[in-house]
Amino acid sequence: MTLIPTSSQTIGPFFREALERPAWSDLTRDGVSGPVIRIEGVVRDGDGEPVPDAMLELWQADANGRYAHPEDTGRASSGPAFRGFGRACTDAQGRYWFATIVPGAVAGPDGRAQAPHANLTIFARGLLKRLVTRIYFADRASENASDALLSSIADADARATLIAPRTERADGTAVYRFDIVLQGAGETAFLAI
């Protein structure tokens, strides 16, 4: 019997209908410990055009630096209500958002604390594999400076693509802006996972 490998496929138009759950972009919907923040941005392609049908998945530790995973037993949880996972689809202008909290620092593979960050996966048409990146918070500069992953990125411009600047809404909600460029000039730094 001769085995014929299956060809690669990009993500098809069906995945949005099957996977979109608008409520999942709000990681605070069941209550959380800690101040609520918003992460928002636009996904753009290599030509600078908005990507209207991307899907993003965010996962992060809670305010105490603990992931909502049974194998993470290192620190006390800040509460069972925080799932630490969210999903958002972009709109016609390529915009997305998550409501969440600032994660606590977690230990890296070497045992040193990593700067607070959220992990982000991007799925979109034209991608044969998912893209993975991290969101770091600009107002945590001292912690960012000692983060092993950030420090390993020699190109300052590429490193800067992982830092989300903070603004504040009139109601006091912190908003972190994290735009994603899939390729070309200003491309977001993606991780080889």
N, C-alpha and C. Protein backbone atom coordinates (compact mmCIF):
# COMPACT_ATOMS: atom_id res chain seq x y z
N MET A 1 0.84 -1.17 0.00
CA MET A 1 0.00 0.00 0.00
C MET A 1 0.89 1.24 0.00
N THR A 2 0.63 2.17 -0.89
CA THR A 2 1.38 3.42 -0.98
C THR A 2 0.63 4.50 -0.23
N LEU A 3 1.33 5.15 0.69
CA LEU A 3 0.71 6.24 1.44
C LEU A 3 0.97 7.55 0.72
N ILE A 4 -0.06 8.32 0.55
CA ILE A 4 0.05 9.62 -0.10
C ILE A 4 -0.23 10.68 0.96
N PRO A 5 0.74 11.57 1.21
CA PRO A 5 0.51 12.58 2.25
C PRO A 5 -0.61 13.54 1.85
N THR A 6 -1.33 13.99 2.84
CA THR A 6 -2.38 14.97 2.63
C THR A 6 -1.73 16.34 2.46
N SER A 7 -2.21 17.10 1.51
CA SER A 7 -1.64 18.42 1.27
C SER A 7 -2.01 19.38 2.40
N SER A 8 -1.21 20.44 2.56
CA SER A 8 -1.51 21.46 3.55
C SER A 8 -2.75 22.23 3.15
N GLN A 9 -3.48 22.67 4.13
CA GLN A 9 -4.67 23.47 3.89
C GLN A 9 -4.61 24.71 4.77
N THR A 10 -5.06 25.81 4.26
CA THR A 10 -5.20 26.99 5.11
C THR A 10 -6.54 26.89 5.82
N ILE A 11 -6.71 27.69 6.84
CA ILE A 11 -7.96 27.69 7.57
C ILE A 11 -9.06 28.17 6.65
N GLY A 12 -10.14 27.41 6.59
CA GLY A 12 -11.21 27.73 5.66
C GLY A 12 -12.23 28.70 6.23
N PRO A 13 -13.20 29.06 5.43
CA PRO A 13 -14.20 30.04 5.85
C PRO A 13 -15.17 29.51 6.90
N PHE A 14 -15.14 28.20 7.13
CA PHE A 14 -16.08 27.59 8.07
C PHE A 14 -15.72 27.82 9.52
N PHE A 15 -14.45 28.07 9.81
CA PHE A 15 -14.01 28.01 11.20
C PHE A 15 -14.63 29.09 12.07
N ARG A 16 -14.93 30.24 11.50
CA ARG A 16 -15.52 31.31 12.30
C ARG A 16 -16.88 30.90 12.85
N GLU A 17 -17.75 30.36 11.98
CA GLU A 17 -19.08 29.96 12.44
C GLU A 17 -19.00 28.85 13.48
N ALA A 18 -18.04 27.97 13.34
CA ALA A 18 -17.93 26.85 14.26
C ALA A 18 -17.29 27.23 15.59
N LEU A 19 -16.43 28.24 15.60
CA LEU A 19 -15.65 28.53 16.80
C LEU A 19 -15.93 29.87 17.46
N GLU A 20 -16.63 30.77 16.79
CA GLU A 20 -16.84 32.10 17.38
C GLU A 20 -17.80 32.01 18.56
N ARG A 21 -17.37 32.54 19.67
CA ARG A 21 -18.17 32.64 20.89
C ARG A 21 -17.95 34.05 21.43
N PRO A 22 -18.78 35.02 21.04
CA PRO A 22 -18.54 36.42 21.42
C PRO A 22 -18.32 36.64 22.92
N ALA A 23 -19.00 35.91 23.77
CA ALA A 23 -18.84 36.09 25.21
C ALA A 23 -17.45 35.70 25.69
N TRP A 24 -16.75 34.89 24.93
CA TRP A 24 -15.44 34.40 25.36
C TRP A 24 -14.37 35.48 25.33
N SER A 25 -14.62 36.61 24.71
CA SER A 25 -13.61 37.67 24.74
C SER A 25 -13.60 38.39 26.08
N ASP A 26 -14.57 38.10 26.94
CA ASP A 26 -14.63 38.70 28.27
C ASP A 26 -14.23 37.66 29.30
N LEU A 27 -12.95 37.68 29.70
CA LEU A 27 -12.45 36.73 30.68
C LEU A 27 -12.93 37.07 32.09
N THR A 28 -13.59 38.22 32.25
CA THR A 28 -14.06 38.67 33.56
C THR A 28 -15.55 38.40 33.76
N ARG A 29 -16.20 37.77 32.81
CA ARG A 29 -17.66 37.65 32.82
C ARG A 29 -18.21 36.89 34.02
N ASP A 30 -17.42 36.04 34.65
CA ASP A 30 -17.89 35.29 35.82
C ASP A 30 -17.36 35.86 37.12
N GLY A 31 -16.78 37.07 37.06
CA GLY A 31 -16.20 37.69 38.25
C GLY A 31 -14.72 37.36 38.37
N VAL A 32 -13.95 38.31 38.86
CA VAL A 32 -12.50 38.12 39.01
C VAL A 32 -11.99 38.92 40.19
N SER A 33 -10.79 38.54 40.65
CA SER A 33 -10.08 39.34 41.64
C SER A 33 -9.09 40.21 40.89
N GLY A 34 -9.14 41.48 41.13
CA GLY A 34 -8.21 42.39 40.48
C GLY A 34 -8.93 43.34 39.53
N PRO A 35 -8.28 44.45 39.24
CA PRO A 35 -8.90 45.43 38.35
C PRO A 35 -9.02 44.91 36.91
N VAL A 36 -10.15 45.19 36.30
CA VAL A 36 -10.41 44.78 34.93
C VAL A 36 -9.68 45.72 33.97
N ILE A 37 -9.05 45.13 32.97
CA ILE A 37 -8.38 45.89 31.91
C ILE A 37 -8.97 45.45 30.58
N ARG A 38 -8.63 46.18 29.56
CA ARG A 38 -9.06 45.82 28.20
C ARG A 38 -7.82 45.76 27.32
N ILE A 39 -7.70 44.70 26.54
CA ILE A 39 -6.66 44.58 25.52
C ILE A 39 -7.39 44.67 24.18
N GLU A 40 -6.94 45.59 23.33
CA GLU A 40 -7.62 45.73 22.04
C GLU A 40 -6.61 46.10 20.97
N GLY A 41 -6.99 45.85 19.73
CA GLY A 41 -6.10 46.18 18.63
C GLY A 41 -6.72 45.82 17.30
N VAL A 42 -5.89 45.88 16.28
CA VAL A 42 -6.28 45.57 14.91
C VAL A 42 -5.29 44.56 14.36
N VAL A 43 -5.79 43.56 13.62
CA VAL A 43 -4.94 42.59 12.92
C VAL A 43 -4.84 43.07 11.48
N ARG A 44 -3.59 43.23 10.99
CA ARG A 44 -3.35 43.69 9.62
C ARG A 44 -2.50 42.67 8.87
N ASP A 45 -2.71 42.62 7.54
CA ASP A 45 -1.92 41.74 6.70
C ASP A 45 -0.64 42.46 6.24
N GLY A 46 0.11 41.83 5.37
CA GLY A 46 1.38 42.38 4.89
C GLY A 46 1.24 43.67 4.10
N ASP A 47 0.05 43.94 3.57
CA ASP A 47 -0.20 45.18 2.83
C ASP A 47 -0.76 46.27 3.72
N GLY A 48 -0.89 45.98 5.01
CA GLY A 48 -1.43 46.97 5.94
C GLY A 48 -2.95 47.00 5.99
N GLU A 49 -3.58 46.04 5.30
CA GLU A 49 -5.05 45.98 5.27
C GLU A 49 -5.57 45.20 6.48
N PRO A 50 -6.69 45.63 7.04
CA PRO A 50 -7.29 44.89 8.15
C PRO A 50 -7.68 43.48 7.73
N VAL A 51 -7.53 42.53 8.64
CA VAL A 51 -7.92 41.14 8.41
C VAL A 51 -9.28 40.95 9.09
N PRO A 52 -10.36 40.84 8.31
CA PRO A 52 -11.70 40.81 8.89
C PRO A 52 -12.16 39.47 9.43
N ASP A 53 -11.35 38.43 9.27
CA ASP A 53 -11.82 37.11 9.68
C ASP A 53 -10.75 36.31 10.42
N ALA A 54 -9.97 36.99 11.24
CA ALA A 54 -8.99 36.29 12.06
C ALA A 54 -9.65 35.87 13.38
N MET A 55 -9.09 34.85 13.99
CA MET A 55 -9.53 34.42 15.31
C MET A 55 -8.30 34.43 16.22
N LEU A 56 -8.45 35.00 17.41
CA LEU A 56 -7.36 35.09 18.37
C LEU A 56 -7.75 34.36 19.65
N GLU A 57 -6.81 33.63 20.21
CA GLU A 57 -7.02 32.99 21.50
C GLU A 57 -5.98 33.50 22.47
N LEU A 58 -6.44 33.92 23.63
CA LEU A 58 -5.58 34.48 24.66
C LEU A 58 -5.62 33.55 25.87
N TRP A 59 -4.47 33.28 26.45
CA TRP A 59 -4.43 32.55 27.70
C TRP A 59 -3.38 33.18 28.58
N GLN A 60 -3.67 33.23 29.88
CA GLN A 60 -2.81 33.95 30.81
C GLN A 60 -3.01 33.44 32.22
N ALA A 61 -2.08 33.82 33.09
CA ALA A 61 -2.18 33.51 34.51
C ALA A 61 -3.15 34.50 35.17
N ASP A 62 -3.60 34.14 36.37
CA ASP A 62 -4.45 35.06 37.13
C ASP A 62 -3.58 36.11 37.82
N ALA A 63 -4.17 36.93 38.65
CA ALA A 63 -3.44 38.02 39.31
C ALA A 63 -2.33 37.52 40.23
N ASN A 64 -2.43 36.28 40.69
CA ASN A 64 -1.39 35.70 41.55
C ASN A 64 -0.32 34.96 40.76
N GLY A 65 -0.41 34.95 39.44
CA GLY A 65 0.58 34.26 38.62
C GLY A 65 0.32 32.77 38.49
N ARG A 66 -0.93 32.37 38.60
CA ARG A 66 -1.28 30.94 38.48
C ARG A 66 -2.20 30.74 37.29
N TYR A 67 -1.88 29.73 36.48
CA TYR A 67 -2.71 29.37 35.35
C TYR A 67 -3.88 28.51 35.82
N ALA A 68 -5.02 28.62 35.16
CA ALA A 68 -6.19 27.79 35.46
C ALA A 68 -5.97 26.43 34.81
N HIS A 69 -5.06 25.68 35.36
CA HIS A 69 -4.70 24.37 34.83
C HIS A 69 -4.36 23.46 36.01
N PRO A 70 -4.82 22.22 36.01
CA PRO A 70 -4.58 21.35 37.16
C PRO A 70 -3.11 21.10 37.46
N GLU A 71 -2.24 21.23 36.48
CA GLU A 71 -0.82 20.99 36.74
C GLU A 71 -0.11 22.20 37.34
N ASP A 72 -0.77 23.37 37.37
CA ASP A 72 -0.16 24.55 37.97
C ASP A 72 -0.59 24.61 39.43
N THR A 73 0.28 24.12 40.28
CA THR A 73 -0.01 24.08 41.72
C THR A 73 0.93 24.95 42.52
N GLY A 74 1.70 25.79 41.84
CA GLY A 74 2.75 26.56 42.50
C GLY A 74 2.28 27.63 43.44
N ARG A 75 1.22 28.35 43.14
CA ARG A 75 0.76 29.45 43.97
C ARG A 75 -0.74 29.30 44.22
N ALA A 76 -1.20 30.02 45.22
CA ALA A 76 -2.64 30.02 45.49
C ALA A 76 -3.36 30.73 44.36
N SER A 77 -4.49 30.19 43.97
CA SER A 77 -5.31 30.80 42.93
C SER A 77 -5.99 32.05 43.48
N SER A 78 -6.22 33.03 42.62
CA SER A 78 -6.93 34.23 43.06
C SER A 78 -8.44 34.02 42.98
N GLY A 79 -8.87 32.83 42.63
CA GLY A 79 -10.30 32.52 42.63
C GLY A 79 -10.67 31.62 41.47
N PRO A 80 -11.67 30.77 41.68
CA PRO A 80 -12.07 29.82 40.64
C PRO A 80 -12.80 30.45 39.46
N ALA A 81 -13.24 31.69 39.59
CA ALA A 81 -14.01 32.33 38.52
C ALA A 81 -13.15 32.70 37.31
N PHE A 82 -11.86 32.88 37.50
CA PHE A 82 -11.01 33.31 36.39
C PHE A 82 -10.52 32.11 35.60
N ARG A 83 -10.97 32.00 34.36
CA ARG A 83 -10.61 30.86 33.51
C ARG A 83 -9.25 31.00 32.87
N GLY A 84 -8.82 32.23 32.61
CA GLY A 84 -7.52 32.45 32.00
C GLY A 84 -7.45 32.19 30.51
N PHE A 85 -8.61 31.97 29.88
CA PHE A 85 -8.65 31.70 28.44
C PHE A 85 -9.76 32.53 27.82
N GLY A 86 -9.46 33.10 26.64
CA GLY A 86 -10.48 33.84 25.91
C GLY A 86 -10.28 33.68 24.42
N ARG A 87 -11.35 33.96 23.69
CA ARG A 87 -11.29 33.88 22.23
C ARG A 87 -12.03 35.08 21.66
N ALA A 88 -11.44 35.69 20.63
CA ALA A 88 -12.08 36.83 19.96
C ALA A 88 -11.88 36.70 18.46
N CYS A 89 -12.88 37.09 17.73
CA CYS A 89 -12.79 37.16 16.27
C CYS A 89 -12.73 38.62 15.86
N THR A 90 -12.00 38.90 14.81
CA THR A 90 -11.92 40.28 14.34
C THR A 90 -13.21 40.65 13.61
N ASP A 91 -13.51 41.97 13.62
CA ASP A 91 -14.67 42.45 12.89
C ASP A 91 -14.26 42.88 11.49
N ALA A 92 -15.13 43.52 10.76
CA ALA A 92 -14.87 43.91 9.36
C ALA A 92 -13.68 44.86 9.24
N GLN A 93 -13.35 45.58 10.31
CA GLN A 93 -12.20 46.50 10.29
C GLN A 93 -10.95 45.86 10.91
N GLY A 94 -11.00 44.56 11.16
CA GLY A 94 -9.85 43.85 11.72
C GLY A 94 -9.67 44.04 13.22
N ARG A 95 -10.66 44.64 13.90
CA ARG A 95 -10.54 44.94 15.33
C ARG A 95 -10.93 43.74 16.19
N TYR A 96 -10.28 43.66 17.35
CA TYR A 96 -10.59 42.65 18.35
C TYR A 96 -10.46 43.27 19.73
N TRP A 97 -10.97 42.60 20.76
CA TRP A 97 -10.79 43.05 22.13
C TRP A 97 -10.95 41.88 23.11
N PHE A 98 -10.30 42.03 24.26
CA PHE A 98 -10.47 41.13 25.40
C PHE A 98 -10.65 41.97 26.65
N ALA A 99 -11.55 41.59 27.52
CA ALA A 99 -11.63 42.14 28.87
C ALA A 99 -10.99 41.10 29.77
N THR A 100 -10.04 41.53 30.61
CA THR A 100 -9.31 40.59 31.45
C THR A 100 -8.73 41.33 32.65
N ILE A 101 -7.73 40.78 33.28
CA ILE A 101 -6.99 41.41 34.36
C ILE A 101 -5.51 41.34 34.01
N VAL A 102 -4.70 42.17 34.66
CA VAL A 102 -3.25 42.06 34.46
C VAL A 102 -2.80 40.78 35.15
N PRO A 103 -2.12 39.90 34.41
CA PRO A 103 -1.67 38.65 35.03
C PRO A 103 -0.51 38.89 35.99
N GLY A 104 -0.40 38.01 36.95
CA GLY A 104 0.76 38.05 37.84
C GLY A 104 1.96 37.43 37.16
N ALA A 105 3.12 37.64 37.74
CA ALA A 105 4.35 37.06 37.20
C ALA A 105 4.36 35.55 37.43
N VAL A 106 4.83 34.80 36.44
CA VAL A 106 4.98 33.35 36.56
C VAL A 106 6.45 33.00 36.43
N ALA A 107 6.82 31.86 36.96
CA ALA A 107 8.20 31.41 36.87
C ALA A 107 8.50 30.88 35.47
N GLY A 108 9.65 31.22 34.95
CA GLY A 108 10.10 30.72 33.65
C GLY A 108 10.75 29.36 33.82
N PRO A 109 11.22 28.77 32.72
CA PRO A 109 11.85 27.45 32.78
C PRO A 109 13.06 27.41 33.70
N ASP A 110 13.74 28.56 33.86
CA ASP A 110 14.91 28.60 34.72
C ASP A 110 14.57 28.96 36.16
N GLY A 111 13.26 29.11 36.46
CA GLY A 111 12.83 29.43 37.82
C GLY A 111 12.73 30.92 38.10
N ARG A 112 13.31 31.76 37.23
CA ARG A 112 13.21 33.22 37.42
C ARG A 112 11.83 33.70 37.01
N ALA A 113 11.37 34.75 37.65
CA ALA A 113 10.06 35.32 37.33
C ALA A 113 10.07 35.94 35.94
N GLN A 114 9.04 35.66 35.18
CA GLN A 114 8.83 36.30 33.89
C GLN A 114 7.98 37.55 34.12
N ALA A 115 8.14 38.54 33.27
CA ALA A 115 7.30 39.74 33.37
C ALA A 115 5.85 39.32 33.13
N PRO A 116 4.90 40.00 33.77
CA PRO A 116 3.50 39.70 33.49
C PRO A 116 3.23 39.79 31.98
N HIS A 117 2.54 38.80 31.46
CA HIS A 117 2.26 38.75 30.02
C HIS A 117 1.03 37.89 29.76
N ALA A 118 0.48 38.05 28.58
CA ALA A 118 -0.59 37.18 28.09
C ALA A 118 -0.07 36.52 26.83
N ASN A 119 -0.41 35.27 26.65
CA ASN A 119 -0.04 34.52 25.44
C ASN A 119 -1.16 34.64 24.43
N LEU A 120 -0.80 34.77 23.17
CA LEU A 120 -1.80 34.99 22.13
C LEU A 120 -1.51 34.12 20.93
N THR A 121 -2.54 33.45 20.43
CA THR A 121 -2.45 32.66 19.20
C THR A 121 -3.35 33.30 18.17
N ILE A 122 -2.86 33.37 16.93
CA ILE A 122 -3.63 33.96 15.84
C ILE A 122 -3.86 32.90 14.77
N PHE A 123 -5.11 32.76 14.37
CA PHE A 123 -5.50 31.90 13.25
C PHE A 123 -6.12 32.81 12.20
N ALA A 124 -5.78 32.60 10.93
CA ALA A 124 -6.37 33.41 9.86
C ALA A 124 -6.19 32.69 8.54
N ARG A 125 -7.02 33.08 7.58
CA ARG A 125 -6.89 32.50 6.24
C ARG A 125 -5.50 32.83 5.71
N GLY A 126 -4.96 31.93 4.94
CA GLY A 126 -3.62 32.13 4.40
C GLY A 126 -2.52 31.63 5.30
N LEU A 127 -2.82 31.33 6.54
CA LEU A 127 -1.82 30.79 7.47
C LEU A 127 -1.91 29.27 7.47
N LEU A 128 -0.79 28.62 7.23
CA LEU A 128 -0.77 27.16 7.29
C LEU A 128 -0.67 26.67 8.72
N LYS A 129 -0.08 27.49 9.58
CA LYS A 129 0.05 27.16 11.00
C LYS A 129 -0.35 28.39 11.80
N ARG A 130 -0.78 28.16 13.00
CA ARG A 130 -1.12 29.26 13.89
C ARG A 130 0.13 30.08 14.20
N LEU A 131 -0.07 31.33 14.53
CA LEU A 131 1.01 32.19 14.97
C LEU A 131 0.87 32.39 16.47
N VAL A 132 1.99 32.42 17.18
CA VAL A 132 1.97 32.58 18.63
C VAL A 132 2.85 33.76 18.99
N THR A 133 2.36 34.60 19.89
CA THR A 133 3.13 35.74 20.36
C THR A 133 2.77 35.99 21.82
N ARG A 134 3.34 37.03 22.38
CA ARG A 134 3.04 37.42 23.76
C ARG A 134 2.71 38.90 23.80
N ILE A 135 1.89 39.26 24.76
CA ILE A 135 1.58 40.65 25.03
C ILE A 135 2.19 41.00 26.38
N TYR A 136 3.09 41.97 26.37
CA TYR A 136 3.67 42.52 27.60
C TYR A 136 3.08 43.91 27.82
N PHE A 137 3.09 44.38 29.04
CA PHE A 137 2.43 45.63 29.41
C PHE A 137 3.46 46.74 29.60
N ALA A 138 3.29 47.83 28.86
CA ALA A 138 4.28 48.92 28.84
C ALA A 138 4.52 49.52 30.22
N ASP A 139 3.52 49.54 31.07
CA ASP A 139 3.70 50.15 32.40
C ASP A 139 4.37 49.20 33.39
N ARG A 140 4.90 48.09 32.92
CA ARG A 140 5.68 47.16 33.76
C ARG A 140 7.12 47.12 33.25
N ALA A 141 7.67 48.30 32.94
CA ALA A 141 8.98 48.41 32.28
C ALA A 141 10.10 47.71 33.05
N SER A 142 10.15 47.84 34.36
CA SER A 142 11.26 47.22 35.11
C SER A 142 11.18 45.70 35.04
N GLU A 143 9.98 45.15 35.10
CA GLU A 143 9.83 43.70 34.98
C GLU A 143 10.11 43.24 33.55
N ASN A 144 9.67 44.03 32.56
CA ASN A 144 9.94 43.70 31.16
C ASN A 144 11.43 43.67 30.88
N ALA A 145 12.18 44.58 31.50
CA ALA A 145 13.63 44.66 31.26
C ALA A 145 14.37 43.41 31.69
N SER A 146 13.83 42.69 32.67
CA SER A 146 14.51 41.48 33.14
C SER A 146 13.87 40.19 32.62
N ASP A 147 12.88 40.29 31.75
CA ASP A 147 12.22 39.11 31.22
C ASP A 147 13.15 38.39 30.23
N ALA A 148 13.31 37.09 30.42
CA ALA A 148 14.25 36.32 29.60
C ALA A 148 13.85 36.29 28.13
N LEU A 149 12.56 36.13 27.84
CA LEU A 149 12.14 36.08 26.44
C LEU A 149 12.34 37.43 25.77
N LEU A 150 11.88 38.49 26.40
CA LEU A 150 12.07 39.82 25.81
C LEU A 150 13.55 40.13 25.61
N SER A 151 14.35 39.79 26.60
CA SER A 151 15.79 40.07 26.52
C SER A 151 16.47 39.27 25.41
N SER A 152 15.89 38.15 25.02
CA SER A 152 16.49 37.32 23.98
C SER A 152 16.27 37.87 22.57
N ILE A 153 15.41 38.86 22.43
CA ILE A 153 15.13 39.46 21.12
C ILE A 153 16.08 40.63 20.92
N ALA A 154 17.10 40.42 20.09
CA ALA A 154 18.14 41.43 19.91
C ALA A 154 17.65 42.67 19.19
N ASP A 155 16.74 42.53 18.26
CA ASP A 155 16.23 43.65 17.47
C ASP A 155 15.23 44.45 18.31
N ALA A 156 15.58 45.67 18.66
CA ALA A 156 14.73 46.52 19.51
C ALA A 156 13.37 46.78 18.88
N ASP A 157 13.33 46.93 17.56
CA ASP A 157 12.05 47.17 16.88
C ASP A 157 11.14 45.95 16.98
N ALA A 158 11.70 44.77 16.81
CA ALA A 158 10.90 43.54 16.94
C ALA A 158 10.43 43.37 18.39
N ARG A 159 11.32 43.62 19.34
CA ARG A 159 10.97 43.52 20.76
C ARG A 159 9.81 44.47 21.10
N ALA A 160 9.85 45.67 20.53
CA ALA A 160 8.81 46.67 20.81
C ALA A 160 7.43 46.23 20.33
N THR A 161 7.37 45.33 19.34
CA THR A 161 6.06 44.88 18.86
C THR A 161 5.32 44.04 19.89
N LEU A 162 5.99 43.61 20.95
CA LEU A 162 5.36 42.80 21.99
C LEU A 162 4.89 43.62 23.18
N ILE A 163 5.16 44.91 23.16
CA ILE A 163 4.82 45.78 24.30
C ILE A 163 3.55 46.56 23.98
N ALA A 164 2.53 46.39 24.80
CA ALA A 164 1.25 47.08 24.61
C ALA A 164 1.23 48.37 25.43
N PRO A 165 1.16 49.54 24.75
CA PRO A 165 1.07 50.79 25.50
C PRO A 165 -0.28 50.92 26.19
N ARG A 166 -0.29 51.67 27.28
CA ARG A 166 -1.49 51.82 28.10
C ARG A 166 -2.09 53.21 27.91
N THR A 167 -3.41 53.23 27.79
CA THR A 167 -4.17 54.48 27.89
C THR A 167 -5.26 54.21 28.92
N GLU A 168 -6.06 55.21 29.18
CA GLU A 168 -7.13 55.04 30.15
C GLU A 168 -8.41 55.63 29.62
N ARG A 169 -9.51 54.95 29.82
CA ARG A 169 -10.82 55.46 29.43
C ARG A 169 -11.31 56.46 30.48
N ALA A 170 -12.33 57.19 30.12
CA ALA A 170 -12.91 58.17 31.05
C ALA A 170 -13.39 57.51 32.34
N ASP A 171 -13.82 56.26 32.27
CA ASP A 171 -14.30 55.56 33.47
C ASP A 171 -13.17 54.97 34.30
N GLY A 172 -11.91 55.19 33.87
CA GLY A 172 -10.75 54.71 34.62
C GLY A 172 -10.24 53.34 34.18
N THR A 173 -10.92 52.67 33.26
CA THR A 173 -10.47 51.35 32.78
C THR A 173 -9.17 51.49 31.99
N ALA A 174 -8.18 50.71 32.35
CA ALA A 174 -6.92 50.70 31.61
C ALA A 174 -7.13 49.95 30.30
N VAL A 175 -6.62 50.53 29.22
CA VAL A 175 -6.72 49.93 27.89
C VAL A 175 -5.30 49.75 27.36
N TYR A 176 -4.97 48.52 27.00
CA TYR A 176 -3.67 48.21 26.41
C TYR A 176 -3.87 47.94 24.93
N ARG A 177 -3.15 48.69 24.09
CA ARG A 177 -3.29 48.59 22.64
C ARG A 177 -2.26 47.61 22.10
N PHE A 178 -2.72 46.55 21.43
CA PHE A 178 -1.83 45.55 20.87
C PHE A 178 -2.25 45.26 19.44
N ASP A 179 -1.67 46.01 18.50
CA ASP A 179 -1.93 45.76 17.08
C ASP A 179 -1.02 44.64 16.59
N ILE A 180 -1.52 43.86 15.65
CA ILE A 180 -0.79 42.71 15.12
C ILE A 180 -0.60 42.89 13.62
N VAL A 181 0.64 42.77 13.19
CA VAL A 181 0.97 42.82 11.76
C VAL A 181 1.48 41.44 11.39
N LEU A 182 0.79 40.77 10.48
CA LEU A 182 1.10 39.37 10.17
C LEU A 182 2.40 39.17 9.40
N GLN A 183 2.79 40.17 8.59
CA GLN A 183 4.06 40.05 7.85
C GLN A 183 4.45 41.41 7.32
N GLY A 184 5.70 41.53 6.89
CA GLY A 184 6.16 42.76 6.26
C GLY A 184 6.63 43.80 7.26
N ALA A 185 6.60 45.06 6.84
CA ALA A 185 7.09 46.16 7.67
C ALA A 185 6.32 46.21 8.99
N GLY A 186 7.04 46.25 10.09
CA GLY A 186 6.42 46.32 11.41
C GLY A 186 5.84 45.01 11.88
N GLU A 187 6.24 43.90 11.24
CA GLU A 187 5.69 42.59 11.60
C GLU A 187 5.85 42.32 13.09
N THR A 188 4.79 41.82 13.68
CA THR A 188 4.81 41.42 15.09
C THR A 188 5.80 40.28 15.27
N ALA A 189 6.52 40.29 16.38
CA ALA A 189 7.44 39.18 16.68
C ALA A 189 6.61 37.96 17.07
N PHE A 190 6.79 36.88 16.34
CA PHE A 190 6.08 35.62 16.62
C PHE A 190 7.09 34.61 17.15
N LEU A 191 6.61 33.70 17.98
CA LEU A 191 7.46 32.73 18.65
C LEU A 191 7.46 31.42 17.87
N ALA A 192 8.61 30.76 17.83
CA ALA A 192 8.73 29.45 17.19
C ALA A 192 8.33 28.40 18.23
N ILE A 193 7.10 27.95 18.15
CA ILE A 193 6.58 26.99 19.14
C ILE A 193 6.46 25.63 18.47
